[in-house]
Amino acid sequence: MKLHKLFLGLTAFVFFWGANAVNAQASYDSVFIDAELERVVSDPENSVTISVDAPVDYVFRFLMERLDLYTKDAETITFDTSAGEGIKAVGTERTTTMKEGGTLVQRFLIMEPTSTYAYFTDISKSTLSVPLKYSLAKYEFTEVDANKTSVKISVVYQPSSRLTGFIVRRLFNSAFERDFNNAAKIMRQRYQEELNGRL
């Protein structure tokens, strides 16, 4: 994969922890996923904590449901609720369709509103190509007060190639905090706009 393609896919994989189409047939069993759920807490590849001037329920819903508002080139977000339990349920799949084509499918592994959620990118269903074999992300929410929320976002992943692994990790780590701090600014601004509209 050429360097310019890594840069083009950077924003998408920072927010979505996306899958590489080359590895679309890979599968990860429950034992592997359980181990990664432990590792994302004890030894993540990266972790960042953001502070948002908005209530915890607002921040929880925004980060889970409105990727199209804070992620460049995301066009639509849909949820598979075939289980009949609504979008806030373990096993629900969130599909993000990008403006230039390609989708990312993420399966929720943990769902505890408004405390925490975690998801695994389903690489057998995703079509957007970014340089990772797999990824798993966990979000932990803390209500600081009625209008302030702290969110810790942690991720584990594996680059798709040893040859580009160093570049992928460097780009990922440099963009991780920047992009989530940008998301915090957007949430803060939109919450204030909605609040002012109600006054």
N, C-alpha and C. Protein backbone atom coordinates (compact mmCIF):
# COMPACT_ATOMS: atom_id res chain seq x y z
N MET A 1 0.85 -1.19 0.00
CA MET A 1 0.00 0.00 0.00
C MET A 1 0.88 1.24 0.00
N LYS A 2 0.62 2.19 -0.87
CA LYS A 2 1.44 3.37 -0.98
C LYS A 2 1.12 4.35 0.13
N LEU A 3 2.10 5.22 0.44
CA LEU A 3 1.96 6.13 1.55
C LEU A 3 0.76 7.06 1.42
N HIS A 4 0.51 7.56 0.19
CA HIS A 4 -0.60 8.51 0.04
C HIS A 4 -1.94 7.84 0.32
N LYS A 5 -2.05 6.54 0.08
CA LYS A 5 -3.29 5.84 0.38
C LYS A 5 -3.48 5.70 1.88
N LEU A 6 -2.38 5.57 2.61
CA LEU A 6 -2.49 5.53 4.07
C LEU A 6 -3.06 6.84 4.59
N PHE A 7 -2.59 7.96 4.04
CA PHE A 7 -3.09 9.25 4.48
C PHE A 7 -4.57 9.43 4.12
N LEU A 8 -4.96 8.97 2.94
CA LEU A 8 -6.34 9.11 2.51
C LEU A 8 -7.29 8.35 3.42
N GLY A 9 -6.85 7.21 3.93
CA GLY A 9 -7.71 6.41 4.79
C GLY A 9 -7.61 6.74 6.26
N LEU A 10 -6.77 7.71 6.63
CA LEU A 10 -6.47 7.95 8.03
C LEU A 10 -7.70 8.34 8.85
N THR A 11 -8.44 9.35 8.40
CA THR A 11 -9.59 9.80 9.18
C THR A 11 -10.59 8.68 9.37
N ALA A 12 -10.83 7.92 8.33
CA ALA A 12 -11.80 6.83 8.44
C ALA A 12 -11.38 5.80 9.46
N PHE A 13 -10.11 5.38 9.42
CA PHE A 13 -9.77 4.31 10.36
C PHE A 13 -9.55 4.81 11.77
N VAL A 14 -9.25 6.11 11.95
CA VAL A 14 -9.17 6.64 13.31
C VAL A 14 -10.52 6.56 14.00
N PHE A 15 -11.59 6.89 13.28
CA PHE A 15 -12.91 6.86 13.90
C PHE A 15 -13.55 5.49 13.87
N PHE A 16 -13.27 4.70 12.85
CA PHE A 16 -14.00 3.44 12.68
C PHE A 16 -13.18 2.21 13.00
N TRP A 17 -11.84 2.35 13.16
CA TRP A 17 -11.00 1.20 13.40
C TRP A 17 -11.26 0.14 12.33
N GLY A 18 -11.14 0.57 11.08
CA GLY A 18 -11.68 -0.18 9.96
C GLY A 18 -10.96 -1.44 9.56
N ALA A 19 -11.53 -2.10 8.58
CA ALA A 19 -11.03 -3.39 8.10
C ALA A 19 -10.33 -3.23 6.77
N ASN A 20 -9.40 -4.13 6.48
CA ASN A 20 -8.71 -4.13 5.20
C ASN A 20 -9.38 -5.16 4.30
N ALA A 21 -9.78 -4.73 3.11
CA ALA A 21 -10.50 -5.63 2.21
C ALA A 21 -9.69 -6.88 1.87
N VAL A 22 -8.37 -6.78 1.90
CA VAL A 22 -7.53 -7.93 1.60
C VAL A 22 -7.76 -9.04 2.62
N ASN A 23 -8.13 -8.66 3.84
CA ASN A 23 -8.31 -9.62 4.91
C ASN A 23 -9.78 -9.91 5.18
N ALA A 24 -10.63 -9.72 4.19
CA ALA A 24 -12.07 -9.81 4.39
C ALA A 24 -12.53 -11.20 4.82
N GLN A 25 -11.74 -12.22 4.56
CA GLN A 25 -12.15 -13.57 4.92
C GLN A 25 -11.68 -13.99 6.32
N ALA A 26 -10.91 -13.13 6.98
CA ALA A 26 -10.43 -13.47 8.30
C ALA A 26 -11.59 -13.54 9.28
N SER A 27 -11.46 -14.41 10.28
CA SER A 27 -12.51 -14.51 11.29
C SER A 27 -11.86 -14.59 12.66
N TYR A 28 -12.55 -14.08 13.67
CA TYR A 28 -12.04 -14.03 15.02
C TYR A 28 -13.10 -14.60 15.95
N ASP A 29 -12.74 -15.65 16.68
CA ASP A 29 -13.72 -16.31 17.52
C ASP A 29 -13.93 -15.57 18.84
N SER A 30 -14.86 -16.07 19.64
CA SER A 30 -15.23 -15.40 20.87
C SER A 30 -14.09 -15.38 21.89
N VAL A 31 -13.23 -16.39 21.86
CA VAL A 31 -12.09 -16.43 22.77
C VAL A 31 -11.14 -15.27 22.46
N PHE A 32 -10.87 -15.08 21.16
CA PHE A 32 -9.99 -13.98 20.74
C PHE A 32 -10.61 -12.64 21.11
N ILE A 33 -11.88 -12.46 20.84
CA ILE A 33 -12.54 -11.18 21.13
C ILE A 33 -12.57 -10.90 22.62
N ASP A 34 -12.84 -11.92 23.44
CA ASP A 34 -12.83 -11.74 24.89
C ASP A 34 -11.45 -11.30 25.38
N ALA A 35 -10.41 -11.89 24.79
CA ALA A 35 -9.04 -11.52 25.17
C ALA A 35 -8.75 -10.07 24.79
N GLU A 36 -9.25 -9.65 23.62
CA GLU A 36 -9.03 -8.27 23.19
C GLU A 36 -9.85 -7.28 24.03
N LEU A 37 -11.01 -7.71 24.51
CA LEU A 37 -11.79 -6.86 25.42
C LEU A 37 -11.04 -6.63 26.73
N GLU A 38 -10.29 -7.61 27.17
CA GLU A 38 -9.46 -7.44 28.35
C GLU A 38 -8.26 -6.55 28.04
N ARG A 39 -7.65 -6.78 26.87
CA ARG A 39 -6.45 -6.02 26.52
C ARG A 39 -6.74 -4.56 26.26
N VAL A 40 -7.93 -4.25 25.75
CA VAL A 40 -8.24 -2.86 25.45
C VAL A 40 -8.33 -2.04 26.75
N VAL A 41 -8.54 -2.72 27.88
CA VAL A 41 -8.55 -2.05 29.18
C VAL A 41 -7.16 -2.04 29.80
N SER A 42 -6.48 -3.18 29.74
CA SER A 42 -5.20 -3.32 30.44
C SER A 42 -3.99 -2.84 29.64
N ASP A 43 -4.04 -2.99 28.32
CA ASP A 43 -2.87 -2.68 27.50
C ASP A 43 -3.28 -2.25 26.09
N PRO A 44 -4.00 -1.13 25.96
CA PRO A 44 -4.47 -0.71 24.63
C PRO A 44 -3.33 -0.23 23.75
N GLU A 45 -3.57 -0.27 22.43
CA GLU A 45 -2.62 0.32 21.49
C GLU A 45 -2.57 1.83 21.69
N ASN A 46 -3.73 2.39 22.00
CA ASN A 46 -3.80 3.83 22.25
C ASN A 46 -5.04 4.12 23.07
N SER A 47 -4.99 5.23 23.80
CA SER A 47 -6.12 5.63 24.63
C SER A 47 -6.10 7.14 24.77
N VAL A 48 -7.27 7.75 24.77
CA VAL A 48 -7.37 9.20 24.94
C VAL A 48 -8.61 9.50 25.78
N THR A 49 -8.53 10.55 26.56
CA THR A 49 -9.67 10.99 27.36
C THR A 49 -10.04 12.40 26.93
N ILE A 50 -11.32 12.60 26.62
CA ILE A 50 -11.79 13.92 26.21
C ILE A 50 -12.81 14.42 27.22
N SER A 51 -12.92 15.74 27.31
CA SER A 51 -13.90 16.37 28.18
C SER A 51 -14.89 17.14 27.32
N VAL A 52 -16.18 16.93 27.56
CA VAL A 52 -17.22 17.55 26.74
C VAL A 52 -18.19 18.31 27.64
N ASP A 53 -18.46 19.54 27.27
CA ASP A 53 -19.42 20.34 28.04
C ASP A 53 -20.84 20.03 27.57
N ALA A 54 -21.30 18.85 27.98
CA ALA A 54 -22.65 18.40 27.63
C ALA A 54 -22.99 17.22 28.56
N PRO A 55 -24.27 16.95 28.78
CA PRO A 55 -24.67 15.85 29.66
C PRO A 55 -24.23 14.49 29.10
N VAL A 56 -24.06 13.54 30.00
CA VAL A 56 -23.54 12.23 29.62
C VAL A 56 -24.45 11.51 28.64
N ASP A 57 -25.77 11.62 28.78
CA ASP A 57 -26.66 10.93 27.85
C ASP A 57 -26.55 11.51 26.45
N TYR A 58 -26.35 12.83 26.36
CA TYR A 58 -26.19 13.47 25.05
C TYR A 58 -24.90 13.00 24.39
N VAL A 59 -23.80 12.97 25.14
CA VAL A 59 -22.50 12.57 24.60
C VAL A 59 -22.52 11.10 24.19
N PHE A 60 -23.14 10.27 25.00
CA PHE A 60 -23.23 8.84 24.69
C PHE A 60 -23.96 8.63 23.36
N ARG A 61 -25.12 9.25 23.22
CA ARG A 61 -25.91 9.09 21.99
C ARG A 61 -25.19 9.66 20.78
N PHE A 62 -24.57 10.82 20.95
CA PHE A 62 -23.90 11.49 19.84
C PHE A 62 -22.76 10.63 19.29
N LEU A 63 -21.89 10.15 20.17
CA LEU A 63 -20.75 9.36 19.70
C LEU A 63 -21.20 8.04 19.08
N MET A 64 -22.27 7.48 19.57
CA MET A 64 -22.73 6.19 19.05
C MET A 64 -23.53 6.34 17.76
N GLU A 65 -24.36 7.39 17.67
CA GLU A 65 -25.33 7.47 16.59
C GLU A 65 -25.01 8.47 15.49
N ARG A 66 -24.14 9.46 15.73
CA ARG A 66 -23.99 10.55 14.77
C ARG A 66 -22.59 10.67 14.20
N LEU A 67 -22.01 9.55 13.81
CA LEU A 67 -20.69 9.59 13.19
C LEU A 67 -20.69 10.44 11.93
N ASP A 68 -21.83 10.54 11.27
CA ASP A 68 -21.91 11.34 10.05
C ASP A 68 -21.69 12.82 10.32
N LEU A 69 -21.85 13.27 11.57
CA LEU A 69 -21.66 14.68 11.90
C LEU A 69 -20.23 15.02 12.29
N TYR A 70 -19.48 14.02 12.76
CA TYR A 70 -18.13 14.35 13.21
C TYR A 70 -17.04 13.56 12.49
N THR A 71 -17.40 12.82 11.46
CA THR A 71 -16.40 12.05 10.72
C THR A 71 -16.41 12.46 9.26
N LYS A 72 -15.27 12.88 8.78
CA LYS A 72 -15.15 13.32 7.40
C LYS A 72 -15.51 12.20 6.44
N ASP A 73 -16.32 12.53 5.43
CA ASP A 73 -16.69 11.63 4.33
C ASP A 73 -17.69 10.54 4.72
N ALA A 74 -18.17 10.54 5.97
CA ALA A 74 -19.23 9.59 6.32
C ALA A 74 -20.55 10.15 5.83
N GLU A 75 -21.32 9.33 5.13
CA GLU A 75 -22.56 9.81 4.53
C GLU A 75 -23.80 9.36 5.30
N THR A 76 -23.91 8.09 5.58
CA THR A 76 -25.08 7.59 6.29
C THR A 76 -24.66 6.58 7.37
N ILE A 77 -25.46 6.54 8.43
CA ILE A 77 -25.27 5.60 9.52
C ILE A 77 -26.56 4.82 9.68
N THR A 78 -26.48 3.49 9.65
CA THR A 78 -27.67 2.67 9.86
C THR A 78 -27.37 1.61 10.91
N PHE A 79 -28.44 1.15 11.57
CA PHE A 79 -28.31 0.13 12.60
C PHE A 79 -29.19 -1.05 12.25
N ASP A 80 -28.63 -2.24 12.39
CA ASP A 80 -29.40 -3.47 12.20
C ASP A 80 -30.06 -3.82 13.53
N THR A 81 -31.37 -3.68 13.57
CA THR A 81 -32.11 -3.96 14.81
C THR A 81 -32.99 -5.18 14.64
N SER A 82 -32.53 -6.13 13.84
CA SER A 82 -33.34 -7.31 13.55
C SER A 82 -33.61 -8.15 14.79
N ALA A 83 -32.77 -7.99 15.81
CA ALA A 83 -32.98 -8.74 17.05
C ALA A 83 -34.20 -8.23 17.81
N GLY A 84 -34.69 -7.05 17.42
CA GLY A 84 -35.89 -6.50 18.05
C GLY A 84 -35.65 -5.82 19.38
N GLU A 85 -34.38 -5.55 19.71
CA GLU A 85 -34.08 -4.92 21.00
C GLU A 85 -33.64 -3.46 20.84
N GLY A 86 -33.75 -2.91 19.65
CA GLY A 86 -33.33 -1.53 19.43
C GLY A 86 -31.83 -1.43 19.23
N ILE A 87 -31.35 -0.20 18.99
CA ILE A 87 -29.95 -0.03 18.64
C ILE A 87 -29.03 -0.19 19.84
N LYS A 88 -29.55 0.02 21.04
CA LYS A 88 -28.70 -0.07 22.24
C LYS A 88 -28.74 -1.48 22.80
N ALA A 89 -28.23 -2.43 22.03
CA ALA A 89 -28.23 -3.82 22.45
C ALA A 89 -26.96 -4.50 21.96
N VAL A 90 -26.44 -5.41 22.76
CA VAL A 90 -25.29 -6.20 22.35
C VAL A 90 -25.66 -7.01 21.11
N GLY A 91 -24.78 -7.02 20.13
CA GLY A 91 -25.04 -7.73 18.88
C GLY A 91 -25.55 -6.85 17.77
N THR A 92 -26.01 -5.64 18.11
CA THR A 92 -26.45 -4.70 17.08
C THR A 92 -25.28 -4.34 16.17
N GLU A 93 -25.53 -4.25 14.87
CA GLU A 93 -24.51 -3.87 13.91
C GLU A 93 -24.75 -2.44 13.42
N ARG A 94 -23.70 -1.65 13.46
CA ARG A 94 -23.75 -0.28 12.94
C ARG A 94 -22.98 -0.24 11.64
N THR A 95 -23.64 0.21 10.57
CA THR A 95 -23.00 0.29 9.26
C THR A 95 -22.85 1.74 8.84
N THR A 96 -21.64 2.13 8.53
CA THR A 96 -21.35 3.47 8.05
C THR A 96 -21.01 3.39 6.57
N THR A 97 -21.71 4.16 5.76
CA THR A 97 -21.45 4.24 4.33
C THR A 97 -20.73 5.54 4.04
N MET A 98 -19.62 5.46 3.32
CA MET A 98 -18.82 6.63 3.02
C MET A 98 -19.25 7.27 1.70
N LYS A 99 -19.00 8.56 1.56
CA LYS A 99 -19.41 9.31 0.37
C LYS A 99 -18.75 8.77 -0.90
N GLU A 100 -17.53 8.31 -0.78
CA GLU A 100 -16.80 7.80 -1.94
C GLU A 100 -17.02 6.30 -2.14
N GLY A 101 -17.93 5.73 -1.38
CA GLY A 101 -18.18 4.29 -1.48
C GLY A 101 -17.46 3.54 -0.38
N GLY A 102 -17.89 2.33 -0.14
CA GLY A 102 -17.30 1.53 0.92
C GLY A 102 -18.09 1.65 2.20
N THR A 103 -18.14 0.56 2.93
CA THR A 103 -18.87 0.53 4.19
C THR A 103 -18.01 -0.06 5.29
N LEU A 104 -18.35 0.30 6.52
CA LEU A 104 -17.74 -0.29 7.69
C LEU A 104 -18.84 -0.82 8.59
N VAL A 105 -18.73 -2.07 8.98
CA VAL A 105 -19.75 -2.70 9.83
C VAL A 105 -19.12 -3.01 11.18
N GLN A 106 -19.73 -2.50 12.22
CA GLN A 106 -19.22 -2.71 13.57
C GLN A 106 -20.28 -3.38 14.43
N ARG A 107 -19.87 -4.41 15.14
CA ARG A 107 -20.79 -5.16 16.01
C ARG A 107 -20.53 -4.78 17.46
N PHE A 108 -21.59 -4.34 18.15
CA PHE A 108 -21.44 -3.94 19.54
C PHE A 108 -21.28 -5.18 20.43
N LEU A 109 -20.23 -5.15 21.24
CA LEU A 109 -19.91 -6.25 22.14
C LEU A 109 -20.35 -5.97 23.57
N ILE A 110 -20.32 -4.70 23.94
CA ILE A 110 -20.76 -4.24 25.25
C ILE A 110 -21.68 -3.05 25.02
N MET A 111 -22.78 -2.99 25.73
CA MET A 111 -23.68 -1.85 25.62
C MET A 111 -24.32 -1.60 26.98
N GLU A 112 -23.83 -0.58 27.67
CA GLU A 112 -24.34 -0.23 28.99
C GLU A 112 -24.58 1.27 29.04
N PRO A 113 -25.73 1.72 28.48
CA PRO A 113 -26.03 3.16 28.49
C PRO A 113 -26.14 3.65 29.95
N THR A 114 -25.65 4.78 30.29
CA THR A 114 -24.76 5.67 29.58
C THR A 114 -23.34 5.55 30.16
N SER A 115 -22.93 4.32 30.38
CA SER A 115 -21.67 4.05 31.05
C SER A 115 -20.55 3.65 30.09
N THR A 116 -20.82 2.68 29.23
CA THR A 116 -19.76 2.19 28.35
C THR A 116 -20.33 1.44 27.15
N TYR A 117 -19.59 1.41 26.07
CA TYR A 117 -19.86 0.48 24.98
C TYR A 117 -18.55 0.12 24.29
N ALA A 118 -18.58 -1.02 23.64
CA ALA A 118 -17.41 -1.48 22.89
C ALA A 118 -17.89 -2.14 21.61
N TYR A 119 -17.09 -2.05 20.55
CA TYR A 119 -17.47 -2.69 19.29
C TYR A 119 -16.26 -3.26 18.58
N PHE A 120 -16.55 -4.23 17.74
CA PHE A 120 -15.54 -4.91 16.92
C PHE A 120 -15.91 -4.70 15.46
N THR A 121 -14.96 -4.26 14.66
CA THR A 121 -15.23 -4.09 13.24
C THR A 121 -15.33 -5.46 12.58
N ASP A 122 -16.47 -5.73 11.98
CA ASP A 122 -16.71 -7.02 11.32
C ASP A 122 -16.06 -6.99 9.95
N ILE A 123 -14.86 -7.54 9.84
CA ILE A 123 -14.11 -7.44 8.60
C ILE A 123 -14.66 -8.33 7.50
N SER A 124 -15.53 -9.27 7.85
CA SER A 124 -16.13 -10.10 6.80
C SER A 124 -17.26 -9.38 6.09
N LYS A 125 -17.73 -8.27 6.67
CA LYS A 125 -18.85 -7.53 6.08
C LYS A 125 -18.45 -6.13 5.60
N SER A 126 -17.34 -5.60 6.08
CA SER A 126 -16.92 -4.25 5.70
C SER A 126 -16.26 -4.27 4.32
N THR A 127 -16.45 -3.19 3.57
CA THR A 127 -15.84 -3.10 2.24
C THR A 127 -14.85 -1.94 2.12
N LEU A 128 -14.82 -1.03 3.07
CA LEU A 128 -13.86 0.06 3.03
C LEU A 128 -12.47 -0.49 3.35
N SER A 129 -11.50 -0.15 2.53
CA SER A 129 -10.15 -0.68 2.71
C SER A 129 -9.26 0.33 3.42
N VAL A 130 -8.82 -0.03 4.61
CA VAL A 130 -7.82 0.74 5.35
C VAL A 130 -6.83 -0.26 5.93
N PRO A 131 -5.64 0.19 6.31
CA PRO A 131 -4.54 -0.75 6.57
C PRO A 131 -4.53 -1.40 7.95
N LEU A 132 -5.64 -2.04 8.32
CA LEU A 132 -5.69 -2.78 9.58
C LEU A 132 -6.27 -4.16 9.35
N LYS A 133 -5.81 -5.15 10.11
CA LYS A 133 -6.40 -6.48 10.03
C LYS A 133 -7.68 -6.56 10.83
N TYR A 134 -7.67 -5.94 11.99
CA TYR A 134 -8.85 -5.93 12.85
C TYR A 134 -8.72 -4.78 13.83
N SER A 135 -9.80 -4.48 14.52
CA SER A 135 -9.75 -3.46 15.55
C SER A 135 -10.92 -3.64 16.51
N LEU A 136 -10.70 -3.18 17.72
CA LEU A 136 -11.74 -3.21 18.75
C LEU A 136 -11.60 -1.95 19.57
N ALA A 137 -12.69 -1.25 19.79
CA ALA A 137 -12.66 0.00 20.54
C ALA A 137 -13.63 -0.05 21.71
N LYS A 138 -13.23 0.61 22.80
CA LYS A 138 -14.09 0.71 23.97
C LYS A 138 -14.19 2.16 24.42
N TYR A 139 -15.42 2.60 24.73
CA TYR A 139 -15.70 3.95 25.19
C TYR A 139 -16.22 3.86 26.63
N GLU A 140 -15.63 4.65 27.53
CA GLU A 140 -16.07 4.67 28.92
C GLU A 140 -16.45 6.10 29.30
N PHE A 141 -17.68 6.27 29.79
CA PHE A 141 -18.25 7.59 30.05
C PHE A 141 -18.34 7.85 31.55
N THR A 142 -17.95 9.06 31.96
CA THR A 142 -18.06 9.47 33.37
C THR A 142 -18.79 10.80 33.43
N GLU A 143 -19.85 10.86 34.21
CA GLU A 143 -20.59 12.10 34.40
C GLU A 143 -19.87 12.93 35.45
N VAL A 144 -19.25 14.01 35.02
CA VAL A 144 -18.52 14.89 35.93
C VAL A 144 -19.50 15.74 36.72
N ASP A 145 -20.44 16.34 36.00
CA ASP A 145 -21.58 17.02 36.61
C ASP A 145 -22.71 17.04 35.59
N ALA A 146 -23.77 17.77 35.85
CA ALA A 146 -24.96 17.72 34.99
C ALA A 146 -24.67 18.10 33.55
N ASN A 147 -23.66 18.95 33.32
CA ASN A 147 -23.37 19.42 31.97
C ASN A 147 -21.91 19.24 31.57
N LYS A 148 -21.27 18.24 32.14
CA LYS A 148 -19.89 17.95 31.74
C LYS A 148 -19.68 16.44 31.80
N THR A 149 -19.06 15.92 30.74
CA THR A 149 -18.83 14.48 30.62
C THR A 149 -17.39 14.21 30.22
N SER A 150 -16.81 13.19 30.83
CA SER A 150 -15.48 12.73 30.46
C SER A 150 -15.63 11.39 29.74
N VAL A 151 -14.93 11.24 28.63
CA VAL A 151 -15.00 10.00 27.86
C VAL A 151 -13.58 9.49 27.61
N LYS A 152 -13.35 8.24 27.98
CA LYS A 152 -12.09 7.58 27.69
C LYS A 152 -12.31 6.61 26.53
N ILE A 153 -11.55 6.79 25.46
CA ILE A 153 -11.66 5.93 24.29
C ILE A 153 -10.35 5.16 24.14
N SER A 154 -10.46 3.83 24.12
CA SER A 154 -9.28 2.98 24.00
C SER A 154 -9.46 2.04 22.82
N VAL A 155 -8.35 1.66 22.21
CA VAL A 155 -8.44 0.83 21.01
C VAL A 155 -7.29 -0.17 20.96
N VAL A 156 -7.59 -1.35 20.44
CA VAL A 156 -6.56 -2.33 20.09
C VAL A 156 -6.75 -2.65 18.60
N TYR A 157 -5.64 -2.88 17.91
CA TYR A 157 -5.72 -3.16 16.48
C TYR A 157 -4.42 -3.81 16.04
N GLN A 158 -4.43 -4.28 14.80
CA GLN A 158 -3.21 -4.84 14.21
C GLN A 158 -3.09 -4.36 12.77
N PRO A 159 -1.99 -3.71 12.41
CA PRO A 159 -1.79 -3.30 11.02
C PRO A 159 -1.81 -4.52 10.10
N SER A 160 -2.23 -4.31 8.88
CA SER A 160 -2.38 -5.41 7.94
C SER A 160 -1.06 -5.90 7.36
N SER A 161 -0.02 -5.08 7.50
CA SER A 161 1.28 -5.47 6.94
C SER A 161 2.40 -5.06 7.88
N ARG A 162 3.38 -5.94 8.04
CA ARG A 162 4.54 -5.59 8.84
C ARG A 162 5.35 -4.48 8.17
N LEU A 163 5.32 -4.45 6.85
CA LEU A 163 6.09 -3.46 6.11
C LEU A 163 5.58 -2.05 6.35
N THR A 164 4.26 -1.90 6.49
CA THR A 164 3.69 -0.57 6.69
C THR A 164 3.26 -0.35 8.15
N GLY A 165 3.49 -1.35 9.01
CA GLY A 165 3.02 -1.27 10.39
C GLY A 165 3.52 -0.04 11.14
N PHE A 166 4.80 0.30 10.99
CA PHE A 166 5.34 1.45 11.70
C PHE A 166 4.66 2.73 11.26
N ILE A 167 4.47 2.88 9.94
CA ILE A 167 3.82 4.09 9.41
C ILE A 167 2.38 4.18 9.90
N VAL A 168 1.66 3.05 9.86
CA VAL A 168 0.26 3.03 10.29
C VAL A 168 0.15 3.45 11.75
N ARG A 169 1.00 2.87 12.61
CA ARG A 169 0.94 3.19 14.04
C ARG A 169 1.27 4.66 14.28
N ARG A 170 2.26 5.17 13.57
CA ARG A 170 2.65 6.57 13.76
C ARG A 170 1.52 7.51 13.34
N LEU A 171 0.92 7.25 12.18
CA LEU A 171 -0.17 8.09 11.71
C LEU A 171 -1.40 7.98 12.62
N PHE A 172 -1.70 6.75 13.01
CA PHE A 172 -2.85 6.52 13.88
C PHE A 172 -2.69 7.27 15.19
N ASN A 173 -1.54 7.10 15.83
CA ASN A 173 -1.32 7.70 17.13
C ASN A 173 -1.31 9.22 17.08
N SER A 174 -0.79 9.79 16.00
CA SER A 174 -0.73 11.25 15.89
C SER A 174 -2.12 11.84 15.66
N ALA A 175 -3.00 11.08 14.99
CA ALA A 175 -4.34 11.59 14.68
C ALA A 175 -5.37 11.28 15.76
N PHE A 176 -5.09 10.30 16.59
CA PHE A 176 -6.07 9.78 17.54
C PHE A 176 -6.60 10.88 18.47
N GLU A 177 -5.71 11.51 19.21
CA GLU A 177 -6.13 12.54 20.16
C GLU A 177 -6.69 13.76 19.43
N ARG A 178 -6.06 14.17 18.34
CA ARG A 178 -6.52 15.33 17.59
C ARG A 178 -7.96 15.17 17.12
N ASP A 179 -8.27 14.01 16.55
CA ASP A 179 -9.60 13.82 15.97
C ASP A 179 -10.68 13.70 17.03
N PHE A 180 -10.38 13.07 18.15
CA PHE A 180 -11.40 12.98 19.19
C PHE A 180 -11.59 14.31 19.92
N ASN A 181 -10.54 15.09 20.04
CA ASN A 181 -10.71 16.43 20.59
C ASN A 181 -11.57 17.28 19.67
N ASN A 182 -11.44 17.06 18.37
CA ASN A 182 -12.29 17.75 17.41
C ASN A 182 -13.75 17.32 17.57
N ALA A 183 -13.97 16.03 17.80
CA ALA A 183 -15.32 15.54 18.04
C ALA A 183 -15.91 16.19 19.28
N ALA A 184 -15.09 16.37 20.32
CA ALA A 184 -15.57 17.01 21.55
C ALA A 184 -16.01 18.44 21.28
N LYS A 185 -15.27 19.16 20.44
CA LYS A 185 -15.64 20.54 20.10
C LYS A 185 -16.97 20.59 19.36
N ILE A 186 -17.16 19.65 18.43
CA ILE A 186 -18.40 19.61 17.66
C ILE A 186 -19.57 19.31 18.57
N MET A 187 -19.41 18.35 19.48
CA MET A 187 -20.48 18.02 20.43
C MET A 187 -20.82 19.22 21.29
N ARG A 188 -19.80 19.88 21.81
CA ARG A 188 -20.01 21.05 22.67
C ARG A 188 -20.78 22.14 21.93
N GLN A 189 -20.37 22.40 20.69
CA GLN A 189 -21.01 23.44 19.89
C GLN A 189 -22.47 23.09 19.58
N ARG A 190 -22.70 21.86 19.15
CA ARG A 190 -24.06 21.46 18.78
C ARG A 190 -24.98 21.41 19.99
N TYR A 191 -24.44 20.99 21.13
CA TYR A 191 -25.27 20.96 22.33
C TYR A 191 -25.67 22.38 22.73
N GLN A 192 -24.74 23.31 22.67
CA GLN A 192 -25.05 24.69 23.01
C GLN A 192 -26.07 25.28 22.05
N GLU A 193 -25.94 24.97 20.76
CA GLU A 193 -26.90 25.44 19.77
C GLU A 193 -28.29 24.89 20.05
N GLU A 194 -28.36 23.60 20.37
CA GLU A 194 -29.66 23.00 20.69
C GLU A 194 -30.23 23.58 21.98
N LEU A 195 -29.36 23.83 22.96
CA LEU A 195 -29.81 24.40 24.22
C LEU A 195 -30.33 25.81 24.02
N ASN A 196 -29.61 26.61 23.25
CA ASN A 196 -30.06 27.98 22.96
C ASN A 196 -31.35 27.99 22.19
N GLY A 197 -31.53 27.00 21.32
CA GLY A 197 -32.77 26.93 20.56
C GLY A 197 -33.98 26.62 21.41
N ARG A 198 -33.74 26.01 22.57
CA ARG A 198 -34.85 25.68 23.47
C ARG A 198 -35.18 26.81 24.42
N LEU A 199 -34.25 27.80 24.54
CA LEU A 199 -34.48 28.90 25.48
C LEU A 199 -35.43 29.94 24.91
